[in-house]
Amino acid sequence: MKVLITGAAGFIGSDLALRLLERGDEVIGIDNLNDYYDPALKEARLARTREHPAFTDVRIDIEDRAGMAELFEQHKPDGVVNLAAQAGVRYSLENPNAYIDTNVVGFMNILEGCRHNDVKHLVYASSSSVYGSNTKMPFSVHDNVDHPVSIYAANKKANELMAHTYSHLYRIPTTGLRFFTVYGPWGRPDMALFKFTQKILAGEPIDVFNYGKHRRDFTYIDDIVEGVIRTLDHIPEPNPDWSGDHPDSASSTAPYALYNIGNNEPVELMHYIEILEDCLGKKAEKNLLPLQPGDVPDTYADVEDLVKDVDYKPDMSVEQGVANFVAWYRDFYKV
């Protein structure tokens, strides 16, 4: 299969490209290598795939309409996995326009590329952030998600709506994946585990929001990538039982699906920090702070549909996952 991955130098995209190449797929990896975080880390990730004969490395912004149209026309991918995004809930409070450019305009260009080039399946990253003000746990893809609390979450919900429209109008199979807090080796420097590790090793205090009491369904990178591959290989079909009288959010009369990919086992942030302290052999000095605007207190993934449809359930323990990250961090940064 020929697969186009957007965000191929990113945390998830780089690992996904490696896995697809290992199983014999052809990969067109696109990334703009922006400076939202250290481009050197992105380059190091890319170095793992760049020399592979089945990997094509492309520099482009997905919001470049003409460039994206030309790319799709040139490569004619069978499948597309959209992982390029302006990420970060808190950053969306500071620079909301960047989120519209990449996450809405860019996604529209991808949908148009799929429409005009006979793409067999579009898989795209959504987010657990779409659950917003919901408090019913665990979060289910069958629940209504109309109350986002950040512009990032609103963008991701918009992606799901846009994808459904294209599935309905043009019968393009689309699958949205609501990722829960992803962590592990080669992770993002703007995320808590990376920041905490950096600061604890440097002897600097860490900012702990919601006084460390919020819970996250931390999901290991390998589990995320396995979920992406299994859903990529599972092309959604229209649901013959779908009814407009009782509309189900996760399926449709169109070839459209939504899945949560989460560990199905939320962990309190303070416990997560304790695990990290044990792995580092060093205690953290903590600045205990209130919940930040745009954040939610808890996340917890219902993965029943993922198990039913693709026979997969993430299962990496946080203890092992954090240990793996610390080993990678010490090796990569020589600390």
Protein backbone atom coordinates (compact mmCIF):
# COMPACT_ATOMS: atom_id res chain seq x y z
CA MET A 1 0.00 0.00 0.00
CA LYS A 2 1.14 3.55 -0.72
CA VAL A 3 0.44 5.71 2.34
CA LEU A 4 0.72 9.49 2.63
CA ILE A 5 1.52 10.57 6.20
CA THR A 6 1.24 14.22 7.15
CA GLY A 7 3.37 15.23 10.13
CA ALA A 8 5.94 12.55 9.30
CA ALA A 9 8.60 14.20 11.47
CA GLY A 10 6.19 14.37 14.39
CA PHE A 11 6.00 12.17 17.47
CA ILE A 12 3.34 9.78 16.13
CA GLY A 13 4.01 10.26 12.42
CA SER A 14 7.66 9.26 12.64
CA ASP A 15 6.92 6.03 14.51
CA LEU A 16 4.04 5.23 12.17
CA ALA A 17 6.26 5.71 9.11
CA LEU A 18 8.84 3.31 10.59
CA ARG A 19 6.22 0.63 11.25
CA LEU A 20 4.66 0.91 7.78
CA LEU A 21 8.06 0.74 6.09
CA GLU A 22 8.95 -2.33 8.17
CA ARG A 23 5.87 -4.16 6.91
CA GLY A 24 6.60 -3.29 3.28
CA ASP A 25 4.43 -0.26 2.56
CA GLU A 26 5.54 2.74 0.53
CA VAL A 27 5.41 5.97 2.54
CA ILE A 28 5.22 9.58 1.37
CA GLY A 29 6.06 11.59 4.48
CA ILE A 30 5.31 15.29 4.54
CA ASP A 31 6.23 17.83 7.19
CA ASN A 32 7.04 21.53 7.34
CA LEU A 33 9.53 21.15 10.24
CA ASN A 34 8.16 24.27 11.93
CA ASP A 35 9.69 25.64 15.12
CA TYR A 36 6.72 25.12 17.49
CA TYR A 37 9.26 22.94 19.26
CA ASP A 38 12.92 22.03 18.57
CA PRO A 39 13.30 21.25 14.83
CA ALA A 40 16.50 19.30 15.65
CA LEU A 41 14.37 16.65 17.38
CA LYS A 42 12.15 16.44 14.30
CA GLU A 43 15.23 16.06 12.09
CA ALA A 44 16.52 13.28 14.35
CA ARG A 45 13.21 11.45 14.05
CA LEU A 46 13.26 11.85 10.26
CA ALA A 47 16.79 10.47 10.09
CA ARG A 48 15.34 7.08 11.06
CA THR A 49 13.28 6.87 7.85
CA ARG A 50 14.84 9.27 5.37
CA GLU A 51 17.29 6.80 3.79
CA HIS A 52 14.75 4.00 3.39
CA PRO A 53 14.22 3.29 -0.34
CA ALA A 54 10.42 3.21 0.09
CA PHE A 55 10.27 6.57 1.92
CA THR A 56 9.74 9.89 0.12
CA ASP A 57 10.53 12.97 2.23
CA VAL A 58 8.55 16.10 1.31
CA ARG A 59 8.72 19.61 2.83
CA ILE A 60 5.35 21.37 2.57
CA ASP A 61 2.73 23.16 4.66
CA ILE A 62 -0.61 21.38 4.46
CA GLU A 63 -2.34 24.77 4.23
CA ASP A 64 -0.62 25.28 0.85
CA ARG A 65 -3.64 24.52 -1.36
CA ALA A 66 -1.88 24.40 -4.72
CA GLY A 67 1.11 22.50 -3.34
CA MET A 68 -1.08 19.87 -1.68
CA ALA A 69 -3.18 19.42 -4.83
CA GLU A 70 0.00 18.85 -6.83
CA LEU A 71 1.36 16.42 -4.23
CA PHE A 72 -1.78 14.26 -4.31
CA GLU A 73 -1.85 14.32 -8.11
CA GLN A 74 1.80 13.28 -8.30
CA HIS A 75 1.75 10.44 -5.75
CA LYS A 76 -1.84 9.09 -5.87
CA PRO A 77 -1.74 7.46 -2.41
CA ASP A 78 -4.00 4.53 -1.52
CA GLY A 79 -4.34 5.65 2.08
CA VAL A 80 -3.79 8.93 3.92
CA VAL A 81 -3.02 9.38 7.61
CA ASN A 82 -3.33 13.01 8.71
CA LEU A 83 -1.24 13.64 11.81
CA ALA A 84 -0.05 17.17 10.96
CA ALA A 85 -1.64 19.65 13.33
CA GLN A 86 -0.97 22.68 15.40
CA ALA A 87 -0.99 20.92 18.74
CA GLY A 88 -1.33 22.03 22.34
CA VAL A 89 -4.37 23.14 24.30
CA ARG A 90 -2.62 25.94 26.18
CA TYR A 91 -0.85 27.36 23.10
CA SER A 92 -4.25 27.68 21.42
CA LEU A 93 -5.06 30.41 23.95
CA GLU A 94 -2.05 32.40 22.77
CA ASN A 95 -2.09 31.83 19.01
CA PRO A 96 -5.55 30.68 17.88
CA ASN A 97 -5.03 31.65 14.24
CA ALA A 98 -2.28 29.03 13.83
CA TYR A 99 -4.87 26.39 14.68
CA ILE A 100 -7.29 27.56 12.00
CA ASP A 101 -4.52 27.64 9.37
CA THR A 102 -3.25 24.11 9.94
CA ASN A 103 -6.11 22.24 11.56
CA VAL A 104 -8.99 23.60 9.47
CA VAL A 105 -7.60 25.02 6.21
CA GLY A 106 -4.94 22.29 6.02
CA PHE A 107 -7.47 19.55 6.70
CA MET A 108 -9.72 20.90 3.97
CA ASN A 109 -6.83 20.59 1.50
CA ILE A 110 -6.35 16.96 2.55
CA LEU A 111 -10.05 16.19 2.08
CA GLU A 112 -9.93 17.73 -1.39
CA GLY A 113 -6.80 15.73 -2.23
CA CYS A 114 -8.58 12.54 -1.21
CA ARG A 115 -11.70 13.48 -3.17
CA HIS A 116 -9.92 14.14 -6.46
CA ASN A 117 -7.42 11.26 -6.36
CA ASP A 118 -9.46 8.18 -5.48
CA VAL A 119 -7.98 7.72 -2.00
CA LYS A 120 -9.31 4.49 -0.53
CA HIS A 121 -9.22 5.54 3.15
CA LEU A 122 -8.45 8.69 5.13
CA VAL A 123 -7.48 8.22 8.78
CA TYR A 124 -7.04 11.41 10.77
CA ALA A 125 -6.03 12.41 14.27
CA SER A 126 -8.80 13.80 16.41
CA SER A 127 -8.33 14.21 20.16
CA SER A 128 -9.76 13.36 23.56
CA SER A 129 -10.04 17.16 23.91
CA VAL A 130 -13.30 17.02 21.93
CA TYR A 131 -15.04 15.66 25.04
CA GLY A 132 -14.74 19.15 26.53
CA SER A 133 -17.28 19.68 29.30
CA ASN A 134 -18.44 16.04 29.32
CA THR A 135 -18.17 14.39 32.74
CA LYS A 136 -19.75 10.97 32.04
CA MET A 137 -16.91 8.45 32.29
CA PRO A 138 -15.45 6.67 30.45
CA PHE A 139 -15.69 8.92 27.39
CA SER A 140 -17.53 7.12 24.61
CA VAL A 141 -17.47 7.85 20.87
CA HIS A 142 -21.26 7.42 20.99
CA ASP A 143 -21.67 10.40 23.33
CA ASN A 144 -22.47 13.90 22.14
CA VAL A 145 -19.42 16.22 22.09
CA ASP A 146 -20.77 19.70 21.45
CA HIS A 147 -19.18 21.63 24.32
CA PRO A 148 -15.44 22.11 23.65
CA VAL A 149 -13.43 24.20 26.11
CA SER A 150 -10.47 25.13 23.86
CA ILE A 151 -10.06 26.26 20.25
CA TYR A 152 -7.89 23.17 19.72
CA ALA A 153 -10.80 20.93 20.74
CA ALA A 154 -13.17 22.91 18.53
CA ASN A 155 -10.77 22.42 15.56
CA LYS A 156 -10.69 18.67 16.13
CA LYS A 157 -14.47 18.47 16.36
CA ALA A 158 -14.61 20.49 13.13
CA ASN A 159 -12.33 17.90 11.49
CA GLU A 160 -14.77 15.14 12.42
CA LEU A 161 -17.69 17.10 10.95
CA MET A 162 -15.77 17.95 7.76
CA ALA A 163 -14.72 14.32 7.32
CA HIS A 164 -18.29 13.11 7.74
CA THR A 165 -19.47 15.57 5.11
CA TYR A 166 -16.95 14.24 2.58
CA SER A 167 -17.82 10.65 3.49
CA HIS A 168 -21.48 11.50 2.89
CA LEU A 169 -21.10 13.53 -0.29
CA TYR A 170 -18.29 11.66 -2.04
CA ARG A 171 -18.34 8.24 -0.29
CA ILE A 172 -14.73 8.66 0.85
CA PRO A 173 -14.14 6.27 3.77
CA THR A 174 -12.89 8.30 6.75
CA THR A 175 -11.87 7.26 10.25
CA GLY A 176 -11.25 9.72 13.08
CA LEU A 177 -9.04 8.68 15.98
CA ARG A 178 -9.47 10.41 19.30
CA PHE A 179 -6.01 10.05 20.83
CA PHE A 180 -5.72 10.22 24.59
CA THR A 181 -2.57 11.67 26.22
CA VAL A 182 0.29 10.16 24.21
CA TYR A 183 3.72 9.65 25.77
CA GLY A 184 6.90 7.68 25.23
CA PRO A 185 10.33 7.80 23.53
CA TRP A 186 10.80 10.52 20.89
CA GLY A 187 7.98 12.50 22.52
CA ARG A 188 7.10 16.17 22.25
CA PRO A 189 9.03 18.72 24.37
CA ASP A 190 5.83 20.72 25.02
CA MET A 191 4.19 17.80 26.84
CA ALA A 192 4.25 17.18 30.59
CA LEU A 193 6.49 14.09 30.74
CA PHE A 194 9.20 15.73 28.63
CA LYS A 195 9.03 19.04 30.53
CA PHE A 196 9.03 17.33 33.92
CA THR A 197 12.03 15.15 33.04
CA GLN A 198 14.00 18.11 31.72
CA LYS A 199 13.31 20.26 34.78
CA ILE A 200 13.78 17.57 37.42
CA LEU A 201 17.18 16.62 35.99
CA ALA A 202 18.14 20.31 35.90
CA GLY A 203 17.05 20.79 39.53
CA GLU A 204 14.30 23.22 38.53
CA PRO A 205 10.74 23.26 39.93
CA ILE A 206 7.89 21.83 37.85
CA ASP A 207 4.45 23.43 37.41
CA VAL A 208 1.75 20.97 38.47
CA PHE A 209 -1.71 22.09 37.42
CA ASN A 210 -4.94 21.28 39.26
CA TYR A 211 -2.67 20.58 42.23
CA GLY A 212 -1.80 17.24 40.63
CA LYS A 213 -5.30 15.89 41.11
CA HIS A 214 -6.50 15.56 37.52
CA ARG A 215 -6.44 12.17 35.85
CA ARG A 216 -5.23 11.35 32.35
CA ASP A 217 -5.58 8.18 30.29
CA PHE A 218 -1.86 8.15 29.42
CA THR A 219 -1.37 6.08 26.25
CA TYR A 220 1.99 4.76 25.11
CA ILE A 221 3.27 5.64 21.64
CA ASP A 222 3.52 2.00 20.45
CA ASP A 223 -0.12 1.43 21.43
CA ILE A 224 -1.19 4.54 19.52
CA VAL A 225 0.69 3.48 16.38
CA GLU A 226 -0.69 -0.06 16.51
CA GLY A 227 -4.19 1.42 16.76
CA VAL A 228 -3.55 3.68 13.76
CA ILE A 229 -2.31 0.78 11.62
CA ARG A 230 -5.21 -1.49 12.54
CA THR A 231 -7.78 1.18 11.78
CA LEU A 232 -5.99 2.14 8.54
CA ASP A 233 -6.38 -1.48 7.41
CA HIS A 234 -10.05 -1.54 8.46
CA ILE A 235 -12.04 0.52 5.95
CA PRO A 236 -15.33 1.69 7.46
CA GLU A 237 -18.65 0.69 5.95
CA PRO A 238 -21.98 2.51 6.18
CA ASN A 239 -24.01 1.42 9.21
CA PRO A 240 -27.26 -0.10 7.89
CA ASP A 241 -28.90 0.37 11.30
CA TRP A 242 -28.10 4.07 11.60
CA SER A 243 -31.19 6.19 12.18
CA GLY A 244 -31.69 9.92 12.04
CA ASP A 245 -34.34 9.52 14.75
CA HIS A 246 -31.63 8.33 17.15
CA PRO A 247 -28.37 9.49 15.54
CA ASP A 248 -25.22 7.65 16.62
CA SER A 249 -22.16 9.94 16.70
CA ALA A 250 -19.66 7.20 15.87
CA SER A 251 -21.18 5.80 12.67
CA SER A 252 -23.32 6.90 9.74
CA THR A 253 -25.12 5.99 6.55
CA ALA A 254 -21.79 7.11 5.04
CA PRO A 255 -18.48 5.14 5.26
CA TYR A 256 -17.44 6.95 8.44
CA ALA A 257 -16.10 5.84 11.84
CA LEU A 258 -14.72 7.24 15.08
CA TYR A 259 -12.59 5.47 17.67
CA ASN A 260 -11.00 6.32 20.99
CA ILE A 261 -7.39 5.17 21.32
CA GLY A 262 -6.59 5.31 25.01
CA ASN A 263 -5.20 3.06 27.71
CA ASN A 264 -8.63 2.65 29.37
CA GLU A 265 -6.92 3.18 32.74
CA PRO A 266 -6.69 6.79 33.97
CA VAL A 267 -3.82 7.75 36.27
CA GLU A 268 -3.72 10.73 38.63
CA LEU A 269 -1.07 13.25 37.59
CA MET A 270 0.63 13.18 41.00
CA HIS A 271 1.07 9.41 40.74
CA TYR A 272 2.50 9.84 37.23
CA ILE A 273 5.05 12.27 38.68
CA GLU A 274 5.93 9.80 41.45
CA ILE A 275 6.62 7.11 38.84
CA LEU A 276 8.86 9.56 36.96
CA GLU A 277 10.71 10.47 40.17
CA ASP A 278 11.39 6.77 40.82
CA CYS A 279 12.72 6.30 37.28
CA LEU A 280 14.98 9.35 37.55
CA GLY A 281 16.07 8.60 41.11
CA LYS A 282 15.34 12.21 41.99
CA LYS A 283 12.48 14.08 43.66
CA ALA A 284 10.72 17.01 41.98
CA GLU A 285 10.19 20.42 43.51
CA LYS A 286 6.53 21.11 42.69
CA ASN A 287 4.69 24.38 42.07
CA LEU A 288 1.07 23.40 42.76
CA LEU A 289 -1.24 25.49 40.58
CA PRO A 290 -4.98 25.62 39.72
CA LEU A 291 -6.46 24.01 36.60
CA GLN A 292 -5.50 25.97 33.49
CA PRO A 293 -8.08 27.54 31.15
CA GLY A 294 -8.89 25.10 28.33
CA ASP A 295 -7.92 22.03 30.38
CA VAL A 296 -10.31 19.33 31.61
CA PRO A 297 -10.02 17.62 35.01
CA ASP A 298 -10.12 14.00 33.79
CA THR A 299 -9.94 11.84 30.68
CA TYR A 300 -10.85 8.15 30.42
CA ALA A 301 -11.26 6.27 27.14
CA ASP A 302 -13.96 3.74 26.39
CA VAL A 303 -12.26 1.54 23.78
CA GLU A 304 -15.05 -1.01 23.31
CA ASP A 305 -15.51 -0.16 19.61
CA LEU A 306 -11.76 -0.40 18.93
CA VAL A 307 -11.70 -3.87 20.46
CA LYS A 308 -14.85 -4.96 18.61
CA ASP A 309 -13.85 -3.70 15.16
CA VAL A 310 -10.07 -4.17 15.01
CA ASP A 311 -9.42 -6.52 17.94
CA TYR A 312 -7.06 -4.17 19.71
CA LYS A 313 -6.78 -2.65 23.19
CA PRO A 314 -3.80 -0.55 24.36
CA ASP A 315 -2.17 -2.14 27.41
CA MET A 316 1.25 -0.64 28.19
CA SER A 317 1.59 0.04 31.92
CA VAL A 318 2.49 3.60 32.86
CA GLU A 319 5.36 2.28 34.99
CA GLN A 320 7.02 0.57 32.02
CA GLY A 321 6.15 3.33 29.56
CA VAL A 322 7.68 6.08 31.70
CA ALA A 323 10.78 3.94 32.30
CA ASN A 324 11.16 3.51 28.53
CA PHE A 325 10.87 7.26 28.01
CA VAL A 326 13.48 8.04 30.67
CA ALA A 327 15.91 5.53 29.15
CA TRP A 328 15.45 7.12 25.72
CA TYR A 329 15.77 10.68 27.11
CA ARG A 330 19.01 9.92 28.96
CA ASP A 331 20.47 8.27 25.87
CA PHE A 332 19.35 10.94 23.40
CA TYR A 333 20.41 13.95 25.50
CA LYS A 334 23.37 12.20 27.19
CA VAL A 335 22.24 13.09 30.73
